[in-house]
């Protein structure tokens, strides 16, 4: 009886470890994918920012005013983000992480139930 309990506990600990590894793998994959999308998006934004700054520089006949205008536009966007959207975006990111973890756990539980069906 004690051997069975030890074996059950060992199996349960192994299952929890595997569930944790699955959750971490899913969250890590999502973070890496999001990071790569962010980097590519930043390069695209950088190129368009330089283009807009040089275009505004030709309109105002001053490189300083062109680049300062683009910097001012991004400062305004940043302030609006901090004022209105930061909390909502933080909540959405946290919800996505929790959803990924719960989905991974549900998938493992579904697989476990399939193993016991006769």
N, C-alpha and C. Protein backbone atom coordinates (compact mmCIF):
# COMPACT_ATOMS: atom_id res chain seq x y z
N UNK A 1 0.82 -1.20 0.00
CA UNK A 1 0.00 0.00 0.00
C UNK A 1 0.87 1.26 0.00
N UNK A 2 1.90 1.25 0.84
CA UNK A 2 2.79 2.41 0.91
C UNK A 2 3.54 2.58 -0.40
N UNK A 3 3.94 1.47 -1.00
CA UNK A 3 4.63 1.56 -2.29
C UNK A 3 3.73 2.16 -3.36
N UNK A 4 2.46 1.76 -3.32
CA UNK A 4 1.50 2.34 -4.29
C UNK A 4 1.34 3.84 -4.08
N UNK A 5 1.28 4.26 -2.83
CA UNK A 5 1.15 5.70 -2.52
C UNK A 5 2.39 6.46 -2.99
N UNK A 6 3.57 5.88 -2.76
CA UNK A 6 4.80 6.53 -3.21
C UNK A 6 4.82 6.63 -4.73
N UNK A 7 4.42 5.57 -5.38
CA UNK A 7 4.40 5.57 -6.84
C UNK A 7 3.39 6.59 -7.37
N UNK A 8 2.22 6.66 -6.71
CA UNK A 8 1.20 7.64 -7.10
C UNK A 8 1.74 9.06 -6.93
N UNK A 9 2.36 9.34 -5.80
CA UNK A 9 2.91 10.68 -5.56
C UNK A 9 4.01 11.01 -6.56
N UNK A 10 4.86 10.05 -6.86
CA UNK A 10 5.92 10.28 -7.85
C UNK A 10 5.32 10.59 -9.22
N UNK A 11 4.30 9.82 -9.59
CA UNK A 11 3.64 10.07 -10.88
C UNK A 11 2.94 11.42 -10.90
N UNK A 12 2.32 11.77 -9.79
CA UNK A 12 1.62 13.06 -9.70
C UNK A 12 2.62 14.22 -9.80
N UNK A 13 3.74 14.10 -9.13
CA UNK A 13 4.79 15.14 -9.19
C UNK A 13 5.32 15.25 -10.62
N UNK A 14 5.53 14.12 -11.27
CA UNK A 14 6.01 14.12 -12.65
C UNK A 14 4.99 14.80 -13.58
N UNK A 15 3.70 14.51 -13.36
CA UNK A 15 2.65 15.13 -14.17
C UNK A 15 2.62 16.64 -13.97
N UNK A 16 2.75 17.08 -12.75
CA UNK A 16 2.76 18.53 -12.47
C UNK A 16 3.97 19.19 -13.12
N UNK A 17 5.12 18.52 -13.06
CA UNK A 17 6.32 19.06 -13.72
C UNK A 17 6.11 19.17 -15.22
N UNK A 18 5.51 18.15 -15.83
CA UNK A 18 5.26 18.19 -17.27
C UNK A 18 4.25 19.27 -17.64
N UNK A 19 3.23 19.46 -16.81
CA UNK A 19 2.26 20.53 -17.05
C UNK A 19 2.94 21.90 -16.98
N UNK A 20 3.81 22.06 -16.00
CA UNK A 20 4.53 23.32 -15.84
C UNK A 20 5.45 23.57 -17.03
N UNK A 21 6.13 22.53 -17.49
CA UNK A 21 7.00 22.68 -18.65
C UNK A 21 6.20 23.06 -19.88
N UNK A 22 5.03 22.44 -20.05
CA UNK A 22 4.18 22.77 -21.20
C UNK A 22 3.71 24.21 -21.14
N UNK A 23 3.29 24.65 -19.98
CA UNK A 23 2.84 26.04 -19.83
C UNK A 23 3.98 27.00 -20.12
N UNK A 24 5.15 26.72 -19.56
CA UNK A 24 6.30 27.59 -19.79
C UNK A 24 6.70 27.60 -21.26
N UNK A 25 6.62 26.46 -21.92
CA UNK A 25 6.97 26.39 -23.34
C UNK A 25 5.99 27.22 -24.17
N UNK A 26 4.70 27.12 -23.87
CA UNK A 26 3.71 27.90 -24.61
C UNK A 26 3.89 29.40 -24.40
N UNK A 27 4.11 29.80 -23.16
CA UNK A 27 4.29 31.22 -22.85
C UNK A 27 5.58 31.73 -23.49
N UNK A 28 6.65 30.95 -23.41
CA UNK A 28 7.92 31.36 -24.00
C UNK A 28 7.82 31.49 -25.51
N UNK A 29 7.16 30.54 -26.15
CA UNK A 29 6.98 30.61 -27.60
C UNK A 29 6.19 31.86 -27.99
N UNK A 30 5.15 32.16 -27.23
CA UNK A 30 4.37 33.37 -27.50
C UNK A 30 5.19 34.63 -27.31
N UNK A 31 6.01 34.66 -26.27
CA UNK A 31 6.85 35.84 -26.01
C UNK A 31 7.90 36.03 -27.10
N UNK A 32 8.52 34.94 -27.53
CA UNK A 32 9.54 35.05 -28.59
C UNK A 32 8.90 35.51 -29.89
N UNK A 33 7.75 34.95 -30.22
CA UNK A 33 7.05 35.36 -31.43
C UNK A 33 6.67 36.84 -31.37
N UNK A 34 6.14 37.26 -30.23
CA UNK A 34 5.78 38.67 -30.06
C UNK A 34 7.00 39.57 -30.14
N UNK A 35 8.12 39.12 -29.57
CA UNK A 35 9.35 39.91 -29.59
C UNK A 35 9.84 40.10 -31.03
N UNK A 36 9.81 39.03 -31.82
CA UNK A 36 10.25 39.14 -33.22
C UNK A 36 9.34 40.07 -34.01
N UNK A 37 8.04 39.98 -33.79
CA UNK A 37 7.11 40.89 -34.46
C UNK A 37 7.39 42.32 -34.04
N UNK A 38 7.68 42.53 -32.76
CA UNK A 38 8.00 43.87 -32.26
C UNK A 38 9.25 44.42 -32.92
N UNK A 39 10.30 43.64 -33.03
CA UNK A 39 11.55 44.09 -33.64
C UNK A 39 11.33 44.47 -35.11
N UNK A 40 10.63 43.62 -35.85
CA UNK A 40 10.37 43.91 -37.26
C UNK A 40 9.51 45.17 -37.38
N UNK A 41 8.50 45.29 -36.51
CA UNK A 41 7.66 46.49 -36.52
C UNK A 41 8.45 47.75 -36.20
N UNK A 42 9.40 47.64 -35.26
CA UNK A 42 10.22 48.80 -34.93
C UNK A 42 11.11 49.23 -36.10
N UNK A 43 11.66 48.27 -36.83
CA UNK A 43 12.46 48.62 -38.00
C UNK A 43 11.60 49.32 -39.07
N UNK A 44 10.41 48.82 -39.28
CA UNK A 44 9.51 49.45 -40.25
C UNK A 44 9.16 50.86 -39.79
N UNK A 45 8.83 51.01 -38.50
CA UNK A 45 8.51 52.33 -37.96
C UNK A 45 9.71 53.28 -38.06
N UNK A 46 10.89 52.77 -37.82
CA UNK A 46 12.10 53.58 -37.91
C UNK A 46 12.30 54.11 -39.33
N UNK A 47 12.12 53.24 -40.31
CA UNK A 47 12.30 53.67 -41.71
C UNK A 47 11.27 54.72 -42.11
N UNK A 48 10.01 54.50 -41.74
CA UNK A 48 8.99 55.49 -42.05
C UNK A 48 9.21 56.80 -41.28
N UNK A 49 9.75 56.70 -40.06
CA UNK A 49 10.04 57.90 -39.28
C UNK A 49 11.12 58.73 -39.95
N UNK A 50 12.18 58.08 -40.42
CA UNK A 50 13.22 58.82 -41.13
C UNK A 50 12.66 59.45 -42.41
N UNK A 51 11.84 58.70 -43.11
CA UNK A 51 11.25 59.23 -44.34
C UNK A 51 10.39 60.46 -44.04
N UNK A 52 9.55 60.37 -43.02
CA UNK A 52 8.69 61.50 -42.67
C UNK A 52 9.52 62.68 -42.18
N UNK A 53 10.57 62.41 -41.41
CA UNK A 53 11.41 63.49 -40.90
C UNK A 53 12.11 64.22 -42.04
N UNK A 54 12.64 63.47 -43.01
CA UNK A 54 13.30 64.13 -44.14
C UNK A 54 12.29 64.86 -45.02
N UNK A 55 11.10 64.30 -45.17
CA UNK A 55 10.08 64.99 -45.96
C UNK A 55 9.68 66.30 -45.27
N UNK A 56 9.46 66.25 -43.94
CA UNK A 56 9.13 67.48 -43.21
C UNK A 56 10.29 68.46 -43.24
N UNK A 57 11.51 67.95 -43.27
CA UNK A 57 12.69 68.83 -43.36
C UNK A 57 12.68 69.59 -44.68
N UNK A 58 12.27 68.94 -45.76
CA UNK A 58 12.19 69.65 -47.05
C UNK A 58 11.03 70.64 -47.05
N UNK A 59 9.94 70.32 -46.37
CA UNK A 59 8.80 71.24 -46.30
C UNK A 59 9.17 72.48 -45.51
N UNK A 60 9.85 72.31 -44.37
CA UNK A 60 10.20 73.44 -43.51
C UNK A 60 11.58 74.02 -43.81
N UNK A 61 12.31 73.45 -44.76
CA UNK A 61 13.67 73.87 -45.10
C UNK A 61 14.61 73.85 -43.89
N UNK A 62 14.41 72.87 -43.01
CA UNK A 62 15.27 72.74 -41.83
C UNK A 62 15.22 71.30 -41.34
N UNK A 63 16.41 70.66 -41.32
CA UNK A 63 16.47 69.29 -40.81
C UNK A 63 16.04 69.23 -39.34
N UNK A 64 16.44 70.20 -38.56
CA UNK A 64 16.12 70.19 -37.13
C UNK A 64 14.61 70.23 -36.91
N UNK A 65 13.93 71.08 -37.64
CA UNK A 65 12.47 71.18 -37.48
C UNK A 65 11.79 69.89 -37.96
N UNK A 66 12.26 69.30 -39.04
CA UNK A 66 11.68 68.06 -39.53
C UNK A 66 11.80 66.93 -38.52
N UNK A 67 13.00 66.74 -37.99
CA UNK A 67 13.19 65.66 -37.02
C UNK A 67 12.52 65.98 -35.69
N UNK A 68 12.51 67.24 -35.28
CA UNK A 68 11.82 67.62 -34.05
C UNK A 68 10.32 67.42 -34.18
N UNK A 69 9.77 67.64 -35.35
CA UNK A 69 8.34 67.43 -35.56
C UNK A 69 7.98 65.95 -35.39
N UNK A 70 8.79 65.08 -35.96
CA UNK A 70 8.54 63.64 -35.81
C UNK A 70 8.70 63.25 -34.34
N UNK A 71 9.72 63.76 -33.68
CA UNK A 71 9.90 63.48 -32.25
C UNK A 71 8.73 63.98 -31.42
N UNK A 72 8.23 65.15 -31.76
CA UNK A 72 7.07 65.70 -31.06
C UNK A 72 5.83 64.85 -31.28
N UNK A 73 5.66 64.34 -32.51
CA UNK A 73 4.52 63.47 -32.80
C UNK A 73 4.59 62.20 -31.95
N UNK A 74 5.78 61.59 -31.86
CA UNK A 74 5.91 60.39 -31.05
C UNK A 74 5.76 60.68 -29.56
N UNK A 75 6.18 61.84 -29.11
CA UNK A 75 5.98 62.23 -27.72
C UNK A 75 4.49 62.37 -27.41
N UNK A 76 3.75 62.96 -28.33
CA UNK A 76 2.31 63.10 -28.16
C UNK A 76 1.62 61.72 -28.13
N UNK A 77 2.01 60.84 -29.02
CA UNK A 77 1.45 59.49 -29.03
C UNK A 77 1.77 58.77 -27.72
N UNK A 78 2.99 58.94 -27.21
CA UNK A 78 3.40 58.31 -25.95
C UNK A 78 2.57 58.82 -24.78
N UNK A 79 2.34 60.11 -24.73
CA UNK A 79 1.54 60.70 -23.64
C UNK A 79 0.10 60.20 -23.70
N UNK A 80 -0.46 60.13 -24.90
CA UNK A 80 -1.82 59.61 -25.05
C UNK A 80 -1.88 58.15 -24.60
N UNK A 81 -0.88 57.38 -24.97
CA UNK A 81 -0.82 55.98 -24.55
C UNK A 81 -0.79 55.87 -23.03
N UNK A 82 0.08 56.64 -22.38
CA UNK A 82 0.18 56.58 -20.92
C UNK A 82 -1.13 57.01 -20.26
N UNK A 83 -1.79 57.99 -20.84
CA UNK A 83 -3.00 58.51 -20.22
C UNK A 83 -4.19 57.57 -20.37
N UNK A 84 -4.31 56.90 -21.50
CA UNK A 84 -5.55 56.17 -21.78
C UNK A 84 -5.42 54.66 -21.92
N UNK A 85 -4.33 54.18 -22.48
CA UNK A 85 -4.29 52.78 -22.91
C UNK A 85 -3.41 51.86 -22.07
N UNK A 86 -2.51 52.37 -21.27
CA UNK A 86 -1.53 51.52 -20.60
C UNK A 86 -2.19 50.44 -19.76
N UNK A 87 -3.16 50.78 -18.95
CA UNK A 87 -3.83 49.80 -18.10
C UNK A 87 -4.54 48.73 -18.89
N UNK A 88 -5.21 49.13 -19.97
CA UNK A 88 -5.95 48.17 -20.80
C UNK A 88 -5.00 47.20 -21.49
N UNK A 89 -3.88 47.70 -21.98
CA UNK A 89 -2.92 46.84 -22.67
C UNK A 89 -2.25 45.90 -21.67
N UNK A 90 -1.89 46.40 -20.48
CA UNK A 90 -1.31 45.53 -19.45
C UNK A 90 -2.28 44.41 -19.10
N UNK A 91 -3.55 44.75 -18.95
CA UNK A 91 -4.57 43.75 -18.61
C UNK A 91 -4.69 42.72 -19.73
N UNK A 92 -4.67 43.18 -20.97
CA UNK A 92 -4.80 42.26 -22.11
C UNK A 92 -3.62 41.29 -22.17
N UNK A 93 -2.41 41.78 -21.93
CA UNK A 93 -1.22 40.92 -21.95
C UNK A 93 -1.31 39.88 -20.84
N UNK A 94 -1.69 40.31 -19.64
CA UNK A 94 -1.82 39.37 -18.53
C UNK A 94 -2.89 38.32 -18.83
N UNK A 95 -4.02 38.76 -19.39
CA UNK A 95 -5.09 37.81 -19.74
C UNK A 95 -4.62 36.79 -20.76
N UNK A 96 -3.82 37.21 -21.74
CA UNK A 96 -3.33 36.29 -22.75
C UNK A 96 -2.39 35.25 -22.14
N UNK A 97 -1.55 35.68 -21.20
CA UNK A 97 -0.63 34.74 -20.54
C UNK A 97 -1.41 33.72 -19.72
N UNK A 98 -2.40 34.18 -18.97
CA UNK A 98 -3.21 33.27 -18.17
C UNK A 98 -3.99 32.33 -19.07
N UNK A 99 -4.53 32.84 -20.17
CA UNK A 99 -5.28 32.02 -21.12
C UNK A 99 -4.39 30.92 -21.71
N UNK A 100 -3.17 31.27 -22.08
CA UNK A 100 -2.24 30.27 -22.62
C UNK A 100 -1.94 29.20 -21.59
N UNK A 101 -1.76 29.59 -20.35
CA UNK A 101 -1.48 28.62 -19.29
C UNK A 101 -2.67 27.70 -19.07
N UNK A 102 -3.88 28.27 -19.02
CA UNK A 102 -5.07 27.45 -18.80
C UNK A 102 -5.36 26.54 -19.98
N UNK A 103 -5.12 27.03 -21.20
CA UNK A 103 -5.32 26.19 -22.38
C UNK A 103 -4.38 25.00 -22.37
N UNK A 104 -3.13 25.23 -21.99
CA UNK A 104 -2.17 24.13 -21.91
C UNK A 104 -2.59 23.13 -20.85
N UNK A 105 -3.06 23.61 -19.73
CA UNK A 105 -3.51 22.71 -18.66
C UNK A 105 -4.74 21.92 -19.10
N UNK A 106 -5.68 22.58 -19.78
CA UNK A 106 -6.87 21.88 -20.27
C UNK A 106 -6.51 20.82 -21.31
N UNK A 107 -5.55 21.14 -22.17
CA UNK A 107 -5.10 20.15 -23.16
C UNK A 107 -4.52 18.92 -22.48
N UNK A 108 -3.72 19.14 -21.45
CA UNK A 108 -3.14 18.01 -20.73
C UNK A 108 -4.22 17.20 -20.01
N UNK A 109 -5.19 17.90 -19.42
CA UNK A 109 -6.27 17.20 -18.73
C UNK A 109 -7.11 16.39 -19.71
N UNK A 110 -7.35 16.94 -20.91
CA UNK A 110 -8.09 16.20 -21.93
C UNK A 110 -7.35 14.95 -22.36
N UNK A 111 -6.02 15.06 -22.49
CA UNK A 111 -5.22 13.89 -22.85
C UNK A 111 -5.25 12.85 -21.75
N UNK A 112 -5.23 13.31 -20.48
CA UNK A 112 -5.29 12.38 -19.35
C UNK A 112 -6.62 11.64 -19.34
N UNK A 113 -7.71 12.33 -19.60
CA UNK A 113 -9.03 11.71 -19.62
C UNK A 113 -9.13 10.68 -20.74
N UNK A 114 -8.51 10.98 -21.88
CA UNK A 114 -8.52 10.03 -23.00
C UNK A 114 -7.79 8.74 -22.65
N UNK A 115 -6.78 8.84 -21.80
CA UNK A 115 -6.01 7.66 -21.40
C UNK A 115 -6.84 6.70 -20.56
N UNK A 116 -7.83 7.20 -19.82
CA UNK A 116 -8.61 6.36 -18.92
C UNK A 116 -9.91 5.86 -19.53
N UNK A 117 -10.26 6.30 -20.72
CA UNK A 117 -11.49 5.84 -21.35
C UNK A 117 -11.30 4.39 -21.80
N UNK A 118 -12.28 3.57 -21.48
CA UNK A 118 -12.18 2.14 -21.82
C UNK A 118 -12.90 1.85 -23.10
